Amino acid sequence: MEARRSLAEQNKQVVPGATRAVLQFFGGFLVLALIMLGVGGTLYKLLSPEGWLAQLFGGSLGYLGAIVLALVGVVVFAWFAQDQIAPTRRNGIGDWWVYLCGLAGLFYAAQILWRGSM
């Protein structure tokens, strides 16, 4: 009788832990999906034929030109920013970029749900 009671108590303790693990998995998956949607949506908005770079140059920018210009911009930004950020703050700034991408993903997801497109 004592063995059955302890087994029942163990099952009660395992179920909330398993539920928490499943909820953490789905929460982490949702956050990862939002971050990926934010990065992908921003790249799409930047490089598409009607995107931000095409608007910046009057619509005369092809795909290859947009990709090259975007990569050059990222490299130049990274080159100049590396000395401006103290090494002790670099991890915190990286966290903010992740949060910003997640927020952009949430914005793009809302646009997709309400308008059907980004």
PDB file of N, CA and C in Angstrom:
ATOM      1  N   MET A   1       0.820  -1.181   0.000  1.00  0.00           N
ATOM      2  CA  MET A   1       0.000   0.000   0.000  1.00  0.00           C
ATOM      3  C   MET A   1       0.873   1.257   0.000  1.00  0.00           C
ATOM      4  N   GLU A   2       1.948   1.201   0.761  1.00  0.00           N
ATOM      5  CA  GLU A   2       2.852   2.344   0.854  1.00  0.00           C
ATOM      6  C   GLU A   2       3.535   2.589  -0.496  1.00  0.00           C
ATOM      7  N   ALA A   3       3.879   1.534  -1.217  1.00  0.00           N
ATOM      8  CA  ALA A   3       4.523   1.674  -2.516  1.00  0.00           C
ATOM      9  C   ALA A   3       3.592   2.324  -3.518  1.00  0.00           C
ATOM     10  N   ARG A   4       2.308   1.973  -3.482  1.00  0.00           N
ATOM     11  CA  ARG A   4       1.338   2.574  -4.399  1.00  0.00           C
ATOM     12  C   ARG A   4       1.157   4.061  -4.113  1.00  0.00           C
ATOM     13  N   ARG A   5       1.128   4.422  -2.866  1.00  0.00           N
ATOM     14  CA  ARG A   5       0.929   5.823  -2.500  1.00  0.00           C
ATOM     15  C   ARG A   5       2.126   6.658  -2.964  1.00  0.00           C
ATOM     16  N   SER A   6       3.316   6.166  -2.780  1.00  0.00           N
ATOM     17  CA  SER A   6       4.484   6.930  -3.205  1.00  0.00           C
ATOM     18  C   SER A   6       4.542   7.025  -4.734  1.00  0.00           C
ATOM     19  N   LEU A   7       4.102   5.993  -5.449  1.00  0.00           N
ATOM     20  CA  LEU A   7       4.062   6.040  -6.904  1.00  0.00           C
ATOM     21  C   LEU A   7       3.041   7.073  -7.372  1.00  0.00           C
ATOM     22  N   ALA A   8       1.892   7.132  -6.719  1.00  0.00           N
ATOM     23  CA  ALA A   8       0.872   8.118  -7.070  1.00  0.00           C
ATOM     24  C   ALA A   8       1.368   9.530  -6.791  1.00  0.00           C
ATOM     25  N   GLU A   9       2.082   9.704  -5.687  1.00  0.00           N
ATOM     26  CA  GLU A   9       2.635  11.030  -5.366  1.00  0.00           C
ATOM     27  C   GLU A   9       3.702  11.430  -6.380  1.00  0.00           C
ATOM     28  N   GLN A  10       4.499  10.472  -6.834  1.00  0.00           N
ATOM     29  CA  GLN A  10       5.509  10.776  -7.845  1.00  0.00           C
ATOM     30  C   GLN A  10       4.855  11.194  -9.162  1.00  0.00           C
ATOM     31  N   ASN A  11       3.768  10.522  -9.546  1.00  0.00           N
ATOM     32  CA  ASN A  11       3.077  10.893 -10.778  1.00  0.00           C
ATOM     33  C   ASN A  11       2.498  12.300 -10.688  1.00  0.00           C
ATOM     34  N   LYS A  12       1.988  12.673  -9.537  1.00  0.00           N
ATOM     35  CA  LYS A  12       1.453  14.027  -9.371  1.00  0.00           C
ATOM     36  C   LYS A  12       2.554  15.073  -9.479  1.00  0.00           C
ATOM     37  N   GLN A  13       3.743  14.740  -9.034  1.00  0.00           N
ATOM     38  CA  GLN A  13       4.846  15.682  -9.104  1.00  0.00           C
ATOM     39  C   GLN A  13       5.425  15.760 -10.510  1.00  0.00           C
ATOM     40  N   VAL A  14       5.379  14.689 -11.274  1.00  0.00           N
ATOM     41  CA  VAL A  14       5.961  14.670 -12.606  1.00  0.00           C
ATOM     42  C   VAL A  14       5.084  15.434 -13.601  1.00  0.00           C
ATOM     43  N   VAL A  15       3.780  15.335 -13.475  1.00  0.00           N
ATOM     44  CA  VAL A  15       2.881  15.951 -14.453  1.00  0.00           C
ATOM     45  C   VAL A  15       3.043  17.471 -14.510  1.00  0.00           C
ATOM     46  N   PRO A  16       3.063  18.210 -13.390  1.00  0.00           N
ATOM     47  CA  PRO A  16       3.274  19.653 -13.529  1.00  0.00           C
ATOM     48  C   PRO A  16       4.638  19.997 -14.121  1.00  0.00           C
ATOM     49  N   GLY A  17       5.652  19.223 -13.820  1.00  0.00           N
ATOM     50  CA  GLY A  17       6.970  19.456 -14.402  1.00  0.00           C
ATOM     51  C   GLY A  17       6.967  19.209 -15.899  1.00  0.00           C
ATOM     52  N   ALA A  18       6.264  18.173 -16.337  1.00  0.00           N
ATOM     53  CA  ALA A  18       6.176  17.883 -17.767  1.00  0.00           C
ATOM     54  C   ALA A  18       5.361  18.958 -18.477  1.00  0.00           C
ATOM     55  N   THR A  19       4.309  19.423 -17.851  1.00  0.00           N
ATOM     56  CA  THR A  19       3.494  20.485 -18.432  1.00  0.00           C
ATOM     57  C   THR A  19       4.315  21.759 -18.574  1.00  0.00           C
ATOM     58  N   ARG A  20       5.092  22.073 -17.569  1.00  0.00           N
ATOM     59  CA  ARG A  20       5.947  23.255 -17.624  1.00  0.00           C
ATOM     60  C   ARG A  20       6.969  23.134 -18.747  1.00  0.00           C
ATOM     61  N   ALA A  21       7.539  21.942 -18.909  1.00  0.00           N
ATOM     62  CA  ALA A  21       8.530  21.731 -19.966  1.00  0.00           C
ATOM     63  C   ALA A  21       7.894  21.881 -21.345  1.00  0.00           C
ATOM     64  N   VAL A  22       6.690  21.360 -21.520  1.00  0.00           N
ATOM     65  CA  VAL A  22       6.001  21.488 -22.805  1.00  0.00           C
ATOM     66  C   VAL A  22       5.671  22.948 -23.080  1.00  0.00           C
ATOM     67  N   LEU A  23       5.196  23.670 -22.078  1.00  0.00           N
ATOM     68  CA  LEU A  23       4.885  25.091 -22.258  1.00  0.00           C
ATOM     69  C   LEU A  23       6.144  25.905 -22.555  1.00  0.00           C
ATOM     70  N   GLN A  24       7.247  25.583 -21.894  1.00  0.00           N
ATOM     71  CA  GLN A  24       8.503  26.271 -22.179  1.00  0.00           C
ATOM     72  C   GLN A  24       8.973  25.988 -23.593  1.00  0.00           C
ATOM     73  N   PHE A  25       8.799  24.756 -24.059  1.00  0.00           N
ATOM     74  CA  PHE A  25       9.193  24.416 -25.420  1.00  0.00           C
ATOM     75  C   PHE A  25       8.383  25.220 -26.428  1.00  0.00           C
ATOM     76  N   PHE A  26       7.058  25.243 -26.270  1.00  0.00           N
ATOM     77  CA  PHE A  26       6.227  25.976 -27.217  1.00  0.00           C
ATOM     78  C   PHE A  26       6.446  27.486 -27.118  1.00  0.00           C
ATOM     79  N   GLY A  27       6.697  27.988 -25.923  1.00  0.00           N
ATOM     80  CA  GLY A  27       7.016  29.408 -25.772  1.00  0.00           C
ATOM     81  C   GLY A  27       8.321  29.761 -26.457  1.00  0.00           C
ATOM     82  N   GLY A  28       9.345  28.936 -26.281  1.00  0.00           N
ATOM     83  CA  GLY A  28      10.622  29.156 -26.942  1.00  0.00           C
ATOM     84  C   GLY A  28      10.502  29.049 -28.451  1.00  0.00           C
ATOM     85  N   PHE A  29       9.699  28.089 -28.916  1.00  0.00           N
ATOM     86  CA  PHE A  29       9.475  27.943 -30.350  1.00  0.00           C
ATOM     87  C   PHE A  29       8.781  29.171 -30.923  1.00  0.00           C
ATOM     88  N   LEU A  30       7.810  29.713 -30.204  1.00  0.00           N
ATOM     89  CA  LEU A  30       7.103  30.907 -30.653  1.00  0.00           C
ATOM     90  C   LEU A  30       8.043  32.109 -30.715  1.00  0.00           C
ATOM     91  N   VAL A  31       8.876  32.275 -29.711  1.00  0.00           N
ATOM     92  CA  VAL A  31       9.837  33.384 -29.707  1.00  0.00           C
ATOM     93  C   VAL A  31      10.822  33.230 -30.860  1.00  0.00           C
ATOM     94  N   LEU A  32      11.328  32.017 -31.089  1.00  0.00           N
ATOM     95  CA  LEU A  32      12.243  31.776 -32.198  1.00  0.00           C
ATOM     96  C   LEU A  32      11.568  32.057 -33.536  1.00  0.00           C
ATOM     97  N   ALA A  33      10.307  31.641 -33.690  1.00  0.00           N
ATOM     98  CA  ALA A  33       9.586  31.902 -34.942  1.00  0.00           C
ATOM     99  C   ALA A  33       9.401  33.400 -35.155  1.00  0.00           C
ATOM    100  N   LEU A  34       9.106  34.147 -34.093  1.00  0.00           N
ATOM    101  CA  LEU A  34       8.954  35.596 -34.229  1.00  0.00           C
ATOM    102  C   LEU A  34      10.278  36.263 -34.601  1.00  0.00           C
ATOM    103  N   ILE A  35      11.370  35.815 -34.022  1.00  0.00           N
ATOM    104  CA  ILE A  35      12.685  36.379 -34.354  1.00  0.00           C
ATOM    105  C   ILE A  35      13.028  36.079 -35.811  1.00  0.00           C
ATOM    106  N   MET A  36      12.787  34.852 -36.247  1.00  0.00           N
ATOM    107  CA  MET A  36      13.064  34.507 -37.638  1.00  0.00           C
ATOM    108  C   MET A  36      12.170  35.292 -38.592  1.00  0.00           C
ATOM    109  N   LEU A  37      10.907  35.478 -38.237  1.00  0.00           N
ATOM    110  CA  LEU A  37      10.003  36.277 -39.061  1.00  0.00           C
ATOM    111  C   LEU A  37      10.452  37.732 -39.092  1.00  0.00           C
ATOM    112  N   GLY A  38      10.955  38.239 -37.986  1.00  0.00           N
ATOM    113  CA  GLY A  38      11.451  39.610 -37.949  1.00  0.00           C
ATOM    114  C   GLY A  38      12.661  39.802 -38.832  1.00  0.00           C
ATOM    115  N   VAL A  39      13.614  38.887 -38.767  1.00  0.00           N
ATOM    116  CA  VAL A  39      14.818  38.989 -39.601  1.00  0.00           C
ATOM    117  C   VAL A  39      14.454  38.809 -41.072  1.00  0.00           C
ATOM    118  N   GLY A  40      13.686  37.771 -41.376  1.00  0.00           N
ATOM    119  CA  GLY A  40      13.302  37.509 -42.759  1.00  0.00           C
ATOM    120  C   GLY A  40      12.433  38.610 -43.340  1.00  0.00           C
ATOM    121  N   GLY A  41      11.485  39.108 -42.565  1.00  0.00           N
ATOM    122  CA  GLY A  41      10.621  40.179 -43.044  1.00  0.00           C
ATOM    123  C   GLY A  41      11.376  41.469 -43.285  1.00  0.00           C
ATOM    124  N   THR A  42      12.321  41.766 -42.414  1.00  0.00           N
ATOM    125  CA  THR A  42      13.121  42.975 -42.594  1.00  0.00           C
ATOM    126  C   THR A  42      14.003  42.861 -43.832  1.00  0.00           C
ATOM    127  N   LEU A  43      14.605  41.696 -44.042  1.00  0.00           N
ATOM    128  CA  LEU A  43      15.401  41.496 -45.255  1.00  0.00           C
ATOM    129  C   LEU A  43      14.525  41.590 -46.499  1.00  0.00           C
ATOM    130  N   TYR A  44      13.328  41.043 -46.432  1.00  0.00           N
ATOM    131  CA  TYR A  44      12.412  41.136 -47.568  1.00  0.00           C
ATOM    132  C   TYR A  44      12.036  42.589 -47.839  1.00  0.00           C
ATOM    133  N   LYS A  45      11.692  43.312 -46.790  1.00  0.00           N
ATOM    134  CA  LYS A  45      11.332  44.725 -46.958  1.00  0.00           C
ATOM    135  C   LYS A  45      12.515  45.535 -47.489  1.00  0.00           C
ATOM    136  N   LEU A  46      13.717  45.148 -47.141  1.00  0.00           N
ATOM    137  CA  LEU A  46      14.908  45.873 -47.574  1.00  0.00           C
ATOM    138  C   LEU A  46      15.259  45.570 -49.029  1.00  0.00           C
ATOM    139  N   LEU A  47      15.177  44.290 -49.431  1.00  0.00           N
ATOM    140  CA  LEU A  47      15.696  43.868 -50.727  1.00  0.00           C
ATOM    141  C   LEU A  47      14.652  43.652 -51.814  1.00  0.00           C
ATOM    142  N   SER A  48      13.370  43.720 -51.512  1.00  0.00           N
ATOM    143  CA  SER A  48      12.348  43.466 -52.527  1.00  0.00           C
ATOM    144  C   SER A  48      12.364  44.570 -53.588  1.00  0.00           C
ATOM    145  N   PRO A  49      11.804  44.294 -54.776  1.00  0.00           N
ATOM    146  CA  PRO A  49      11.813  45.312 -55.837  1.00  0.00           C
ATOM    147  C   PRO A  49      11.106  46.616 -55.439  1.00  0.00           C
ATOM    148  N   GLU A  50      10.122  46.540 -54.574  1.00  0.00           N
ATOM    149  CA  GLU A  50       9.460  47.753 -54.077  1.00  0.00           C
ATOM    150  C   GLU A  50       9.925  48.090 -52.666  1.00  0.00           C
ATOM    151  N   GLY A  51      11.040  47.527 -52.261  1.00  0.00           N
ATOM    152  CA  GLY A  51      11.516  47.658 -50.888  1.00  0.00           C
ATOM    153  C   GLY A  51      12.166  48.988 -50.582  1.00  0.00           C
ATOM    154  N   TRP A  52      12.734  49.036 -49.393  1.00  0.00           N
ATOM    155  CA  TRP A  52      13.303  50.284 -48.882  1.00  0.00           C
ATOM    156  C   TRP A  52      14.486  50.765 -49.718  1.00  0.00           C
ATOM    157  N   LEU A  53      15.354  49.850 -50.146  1.00  0.00           N
ATOM    158  CA  LEU A  53      16.496  50.259 -50.959  1.00  0.00           C
ATOM    159  C   LEU A  53      16.050  50.741 -52.336  1.00  0.00           C
ATOM    160  N   ALA A  54      15.056  50.080 -52.930  1.00  0.00           N
ATOM    161  CA  ALA A  54      14.550  50.522 -54.230  1.00  0.00           C
ATOM    162  C   ALA A  54      13.913  51.900 -54.109  1.00  0.00           C
ATOM    163  N   GLN A  55      13.213  52.158 -53.017  1.00  0.00           N
ATOM    164  CA  GLN A  55      12.620  53.476 -52.821  1.00  0.00           C
ATOM    165  C   GLN A  55      13.700  54.531 -52.598  1.00  0.00           C
ATOM    166  N   LEU A  56      14.759  54.138 -51.935  1.00  0.00           N
ATOM    167  CA  LEU A  56      15.856  55.058 -51.673  1.00  0.00           C
ATOM    168  C   LEU A  56      16.541  55.500 -52.970  1.00  0.00           C
ATOM    169  N   PHE A  57      16.649  54.571 -53.930  1.00  0.00           N
ATOM    170  CA  PHE A  57      17.313  54.876 -55.197  1.00  0.00           C
ATOM    171  C   PHE A  57      16.333  55.078 -56.340  1.00  0.00           C
ATOM    172  N   GLY A  58      15.104  55.355 -56.062  1.00  0.00           N
ATOM    173  CA  GLY A  58      14.134  55.669 -57.101  1.00  0.00           C
ATOM    174  C   GLY A  58      13.630  54.483 -57.888  1.00  0.00           C
ATOM    175  N   GLY A  59      13.702  53.294 -57.356  1.00  0.00           N
ATOM    176  CA  GLY A  59      13.164  52.111 -58.022  1.00  0.00           C
ATOM    177  C   GLY A  59      14.049  51.546 -59.120  1.00  0.00           C
ATOM    178  N   SER A  60      15.242  52.045 -59.295  1.00  0.00           N
ATOM    179  CA  SER A  60      16.105  51.576 -60.375  1.00  0.00           C
ATOM    180  C   SER A  60      17.155  50.586 -59.897  1.00  0.00           C
ATOM    181  N   LEU A  61      16.907  49.945 -58.798  1.00  0.00           N
ATOM    182  CA  LEU A  61      17.889  49.039 -58.215  1.00  0.00           C
ATOM    183  C   LEU A  61      17.427  47.604 -58.415  1.00  0.00           C
ATOM    184  N   GLY A  62      18.262  46.772 -59.050  1.00  0.00           N
ATOM    185  CA  GLY A  62      17.929  45.367 -59.248  1.00  0.00           C
ATOM    186  C   GLY A  62      18.233  44.558 -57.995  1.00  0.00           C
ATOM    187  N   TYR A  63      17.910  43.254 -58.066  1.00  0.00           N
ATOM    188  CA  TYR A  63      18.139  42.387 -56.911  1.00  0.00           C
ATOM    189  C   TYR A  63      19.614  42.312 -56.545  1.00  0.00           C
ATOM    190  N   LEU A  64      20.461  42.123 -57.526  1.00  0.00           N
ATOM    191  CA  LEU A  64      21.883  41.982 -57.237  1.00  0.00           C
ATOM    192  C   LEU A  64      22.448  43.267 -56.647  1.00  0.00           C
ATOM    193  N   GLY A  65      22.058  44.387 -57.195  1.00  0.00           N
ATOM    194  CA  GLY A  65      22.521  45.670 -56.658  1.00  0.00           C
ATOM    195  C   GLY A  65      22.042  45.898 -55.239  1.00  0.00           C
ATOM    196  N   ALA A  66      20.802  45.506 -54.949  1.00  0.00           N
ATOM    197  CA  ALA A  66      20.266  45.669 -53.600  1.00  0.00           C
ATOM    198  C   ALA A  66      21.000  44.784 -52.604  1.00  0.00           C
ATOM    199  N   ILE A  67      21.286  43.559 -53.005  1.00  0.00           N
ATOM    200  CA  ILE A  67      21.988  42.640 -52.106  1.00  0.00           C
ATOM    201  C   ILE A  67      23.400  43.141 -51.827  1.00  0.00           C
ATOM    202  N   VAL A  68      24.098  43.570 -52.874  1.00  0.00           N
ATOM    203  CA  VAL A  68      25.459  44.068 -52.692  1.00  0.00           C
ATOM    204  C   VAL A  68      25.467  45.311 -51.818  1.00  0.00           C
ATOM    205  N   LEU A  69      24.533  46.230 -52.089  1.00  0.00           N
ATOM    206  CA  LEU A  69      24.461  47.455 -51.293  1.00  0.00           C
ATOM    207  C   LEU A  69      24.124  47.161 -49.830  1.00  0.00           C
ATOM    208  N   ALA A  70      23.225  46.219 -49.589  1.00  0.00           N
ATOM    209  CA  ALA A  70      22.880  45.855 -48.215  1.00  0.00           C
ATOM    210  C   ALA A  70      24.078  45.231 -47.498  1.00  0.00           C
ATOM    211  N   LEU A  71      24.785  44.335 -48.169  1.00  0.00           N
ATOM    212  CA  LEU A  71      25.953  43.713 -47.544  1.00  0.00           C
ATOM    213  C   LEU A  71      27.049  44.739 -47.262  1.00  0.00           C
ATOM    214  N   VAL A  72      27.267  45.643 -48.194  1.00  0.00           N
ATOM    215  CA  VAL A  72      28.266  46.696 -47.968  1.00  0.00           C
ATOM    216  C   VAL A  72      27.854  47.560 -46.779  1.00  0.00           C
ATOM    217  N   GLY A  73      26.580  47.888 -46.689  1.00  0.00           N
ATOM    218  CA  GLY A  73      26.094  48.683 -45.563  1.00  0.00           C
ATOM    219  C   GLY A  73      26.291  47.987 -44.226  1.00  0.00           C
ATOM    220  N   VAL A  74      26.024  46.688 -44.185  1.00  0.00           N
ATOM    221  CA  VAL A  74      26.202  45.932 -42.944  1.00  0.00           C
ATOM    222  C   VAL A  74      27.673  45.882 -42.558  1.00  0.00           C
ATOM    223  N   VAL A  75      28.549  45.645 -43.526  1.00  0.00           N
ATOM    224  CA  VAL A  75      29.983  45.573 -43.238  1.00  0.00           C
ATOM    225  C   VAL A  75      30.509  46.919 -42.749  1.00  0.00           C
ATOM    226  N   VAL A  76      30.089  48.001 -43.405  1.00  0.00           N
ATOM    227  CA  VAL A  76      30.538  49.337 -42.988  1.00  0.00           C
ATOM    228  C   VAL A  76      30.032  49.657 -41.588  1.00  0.00           C
ATOM    229  N   PHE A  77      28.759  49.340 -41.317  1.00  0.00           N
ATOM    230  CA  PHE A  77      28.203  49.589 -39.986  1.00  0.00           C
ATOM    231  C   PHE A  77      28.960  48.790 -38.930  1.00  0.00           C
ATOM    232  N   ALA A  78      29.220  47.506 -39.208  1.00  0.00           N
ATOM    233  CA  ALA A  78      29.932  46.665 -38.240  1.00  0.00           C
ATOM    234  C   ALA A  78      31.364  47.161 -38.022  1.00  0.00           C
ATOM    235  N   TRP A  79      32.002  47.622 -39.087  1.00  0.00           N
ATOM    236  CA  TRP A  79      33.370  48.102 -38.979  1.00  0.00           C
ATOM    237  C   TRP A  79      33.456  49.335 -38.087  1.00  0.00           C
ATOM    238  N   PHE A  80      32.541  50.280 -38.283  1.00  0.00           N
ATOM    239  CA  PHE A  80      32.579  51.503 -37.485  1.00  0.00           C
ATOM    240  C   PHE A  80      32.022  51.303 -36.075  1.00  0.00           C
ATOM    241  N   ALA A  81      31.096  50.375 -35.911  1.00  0.00           N
ATOM    242  CA  ALA A  81      30.474  50.186 -34.604  1.00  0.00           C
ATOM    243  C   ALA A  81      31.327  49.366 -33.650  1.00  0.00           C
ATOM    244  N   GLN A  82      32.286  48.601 -34.148  1.00  0.00           N
ATOM    245  CA  GLN A  82      33.042  47.715 -33.265  1.00  0.00           C
ATOM    246  C   GLN A  82      33.865  48.473 -32.230  1.00  0.00           C
ATOM    247  N   ASP A  83      34.347  49.645 -32.573  1.00  0.00           N
ATOM    248  CA  ASP A  83      35.142  50.421 -31.625  1.00  0.00           C
ATOM    249  C   ASP A  83      34.290  51.340 -30.754  1.00  0.00           C
ATOM    250  N   GLN A  84      33.043  51.534 -31.133  1.00  0.00           N
ATOM    251  CA  GLN A  84      32.179  52.451 -30.393  1.00  0.00           C
ATOM    252  C   GLN A  84      31.496  51.786 -29.197  1.00  0.00           C
ATOM    253  N   ILE A  85      31.429  50.478 -29.186  1.00  0.00           N
ATOM    254  CA  ILE A  85      30.742  49.739 -28.127  1.00  0.00           C
ATOM    255  C   ILE A  85      31.787  49.106 -27.211  1.00  0.00           C
ATOM    256  N   ALA A  86      31.692  49.376 -25.927  1.00  0.00           N
ATOM    257  CA  ALA A  86      32.630  48.803 -24.966  1.00  0.00           C
ATOM    258  C   ALA A  86      32.452  47.283 -24.909  1.00  0.00           C
ATOM    259  N   PRO A  87      33.547  46.522 -24.742  1.00  0.00           N
ATOM    260  CA  PRO A  87      33.436  45.059 -24.710  1.00  0.00           C
ATOM    261  C   PRO A  87      32.501  44.544 -23.622  1.00  0.00           C
ATOM    262  N   THR A  88      32.365  45.247 -22.525  1.00  0.00           N
ATOM    263  CA  THR A  88      31.490  44.773 -21.448  1.00  0.00           C
ATOM    264  C   THR A  88      30.018  44.963 -21.789  1.00  0.00           C
ATOM    265  N   ARG A  89      29.694  45.825 -22.744  1.00  0.00           N
ATOM    266  CA  ARG A  89      28.301  46.079 -23.111  1.00  0.00           C
ATOM    267  C   ARG A  89      27.875  45.341 -24.364  1.00  0.00           C
ATOM    268  N   ARG A  90      28.757  44.641 -25.039  1.00  0.00           N
ATOM    269  CA  ARG A  90      28.425  44.008 -26.317  1.00  0.00           C
ATOM    270  C   ARG A  90      27.353  42.940 -26.170  1.00  0.00           C
ATOM    271  N   ASN A  91      27.367  42.171 -25.091  1.00  0.00           N
ATOM    272  CA  ASN A  91      26.344  41.148 -24.906  1.00  0.00           C
ATOM    273  C   ASN A  91      24.973  41.768 -24.724  1.00  0.00           C
ATOM    274  N   GLY A  92      24.884  42.836 -23.975  1.00  0.00           N
ATOM    275  CA  GLY A  92      23.598  43.498 -23.768  1.00  0.00           C
ATOM    276  C   GLY A  92      23.047  44.104 -25.040  1.00  0.00           C
ATOM    277  N   ILE A  93      23.920  44.656 -25.865  1.00  0.00           N
ATOM    278  CA  ILE A  93      23.471  45.231 -27.130  1.00  0.00           C
ATOM    279  C   ILE A  93      23.004  44.125 -28.067  1.00  0.00           C
ATOM    280  N   GLY A  94      23.660  42.987 -28.053  1.00  0.00           N
ATOM    281  CA  GLY A  94      23.200  41.853 -28.852  1.00  0.00           C
ATOM    282  C   GLY A  94      21.827  41.380 -28.419  1.00  0.00           C
ATOM    283  N   ASP A  95      21.567  41.401 -27.118  1.00  0.00           N
ATOM    284  CA  ASP A  95      20.241  41.034 -26.624  1.00  0.00           C
ATOM    285  C   ASP A  95      19.182  41.986 -27.156  1.00  0.00           C
ATOM    286  N   TRP A  96      19.497  43.267 -27.198  1.00  0.00           N
ATOM    287  CA  TRP A  96      18.514  44.245 -27.696  1.00  0.00           C
ATOM    288  C   TRP A  96      18.218  44.035 -29.170  1.00  0.00           C
ATOM    289  N   TRP A  97      19.213  43.616 -29.960  1.00  0.00           N
ATOM    290  CA  TRP A  97      18.953  43.319 -31.369  1.00  0.00           C
ATOM    291  C   TRP A  97      17.996  42.143 -31.494  1.00  0.00           C
ATOM    292  N   VAL A  98      18.149  41.142 -30.649  1.00  0.00           N
ATOM    293  CA  VAL A  98      17.252  39.987 -30.674  1.00  0.00           C
ATOM    294  C   VAL A  98      15.837  40.418 -30.301  1.00  0.00           C
ATOM    295  N   TYR A  99      15.701  41.252 -29.260  1.00  0.00           N
ATOM    296  CA  TYR A  99      14.377  41.739 -28.865  1.00  0.00           C
ATOM    297  C   TYR A  99      13.748  42.570 -29.976  1.00  0.00           C
ATOM    298  N   LEU A 100      14.554  43.379 -30.639  1.00  0.00           N
ATOM    299  CA  LEU A 100      14.057  44.211 -31.731  1.00  0.00           C
ATOM    300  C   LEU A 100      13.585  43.341 -32.896  1.00  0.00           C
ATOM    301  N   CYS A 101      14.313  42.282 -33.214  1.00  0.00           N
ATOM    302  CA  CYS A 101      13.893  41.369 -34.282  1.00  0.00           C
ATOM    303  C   CYS A 101      12.612  40.636 -33.904  1.00  0.00           C
ATOM    304  N   GLY A 102      12.471  40.252 -32.644  1.00  0.00           N
ATOM    305  CA  GLY A 102      11.235  39.623 -32.190  1.00  0.00           C
ATOM    306  C   GLY A 102      10.054  40.566 -32.273  1.00  0.00           C
ATOM    307  N   LEU A 103      10.266  41.823 -31.920  1.00  0.00           N
ATOM    308  CA  LEU A 103       9.197  42.829 -32.018  1.00  0.00           C
ATOM    309  C   LEU A 103       8.819  43.075 -33.474  1.00  0.00           C
ATOM    310  N   ALA A 104       9.810  43.136 -34.359  1.00  0.00           N
ATOM    311  CA  ALA A 104       9.528  43.289 -35.787  1.00  0.00           C
ATOM    312  C   ALA A 104       8.763  42.073 -36.303  1.00  0.00           C
ATOM    313  N   GLY A 105       9.120  40.882 -35.842  1.00  0.00           N
ATOM    314  CA  GLY A 105       8.400  39.670 -36.232  1.00  0.00           C
ATOM    315  C   GLY A 105       6.963  39.703 -35.775  1.00  0.00           C
ATOM    316  N   LEU A 106       6.725  40.213 -34.581  1.00  0.00           N
ATOM    317  CA  LEU A 106       5.354  40.352 -34.085  1.00  0.00           C
ATOM    318  C   LEU A 106       4.569  41.337 -34.953  1.00  0.00           C
ATOM    319  N   PHE A 107       5.215  42.428 -35.345  1.00  0.00           N
ATOM    320  CA  PHE A 107       4.579  43.419 -36.214  1.00  0.00           C
ATOM    321  C   PHE A 107       4.256  42.813 -37.580  1.00  0.00           C
ATOM    322  N   TYR A 108       5.205  42.062 -38.173  1.00  0.00           N
ATOM    323  CA  TYR A 108       4.965  41.436 -39.468  1.00  0.00           C
ATOM    324  C   TYR A 108       3.882  40.367 -39.377  1.00  0.00           C
ATOM    325  N   ALA A 109       3.862  39.610 -38.283  1.00  0.00           N
ATOM    326  CA  ALA A 109       2.817  38.596 -38.101  1.00  0.00           C
ATOM    327  C   ALA A 109       1.442  39.249 -38.018  1.00  0.00           C
ATOM    328  N   ALA A 110       1.352  40.380 -37.323  1.00  0.00           N
ATOM    329  CA  ALA A 110       0.065  41.102 -37.248  1.00  0.00           C
ATOM    330  C   ALA A 110      -0.338  41.605 -38.619  1.00  0.00           C
ATOM    331  N   GLN A 111       0.610  42.106 -39.402  1.00  0.00           N
ATOM    332  CA  GLN A 111       0.291  42.554 -40.764  1.00  0.00           C
ATOM    333  C   GLN A 111      -0.188  41.408 -41.629  1.00  0.00           C
ATOM    334  N   ILE A 112       0.445  40.259 -41.509  1.00  0.00           N
ATOM    335  CA  ILE A 112       0.038  39.097 -42.298  1.00  0.00           C
ATOM    336  C   ILE A 112      -1.370  38.667 -41.907  1.00  0.00           C
ATOM    337  N   LEU A 113      -1.675  38.689 -40.624  1.00  0.00           N
ATOM    338  CA  LEU A 113      -3.012  38.271 -40.177  1.00  0.00           C
ATOM    339  C   LEU A 113      -4.088  39.271 -40.606  1.00  0.00           C
ATOM    340  N   TRP A 114      -3.818  40.557 -40.516  1.00  0.00           N
ATOM    341  CA  TRP A 114      -4.842  41.552 -40.816  1.00  0.00           C
ATOM    342  C   TRP A 114      -4.946  41.881 -42.296  1.00  0.00           C
ATOM    343  N   ARG A 115      -3.803  42.012 -42.984  1.00  0.00           N
ATOM    344  CA  ARG A 115      -3.840  42.422 -44.393  1.00  0.00           C
ATOM    345  C   ARG A 115      -3.636  41.264 -45.352  1.00  0.00           C
ATOM    346  N   GLY A 116      -3.074  40.187 -44.896  1.00  0.00           N
ATOM    347  CA  GLY A 116      -2.806  39.049 -45.762  1.00  0.00           C
ATOM    348  C   GLY A 116      -1.441  39.120 -46.420  1.00  0.00           C
ATOM    349  N   SER A 117      -0.693  40.185 -46.203  1.00  0.00           N
ATOM    350  CA  SER A 117       0.652  40.315 -46.748  1.00  0.00           C
ATOM    351  C   SER A 117       1.431  41.277 -45.859  1.00  0.00           C
ATOM    352  N   MET A 118       2.731  41.336 -46.115  1.00  0.00           N
ATOM    353  CA  MET A 118       3.560  42.261 -45.335  1.00  0.00           C
ATOM    354  C   MET A 118       3.556  43.592 -46.022  1.00  0.00           C
TER     355      MET A 118
END
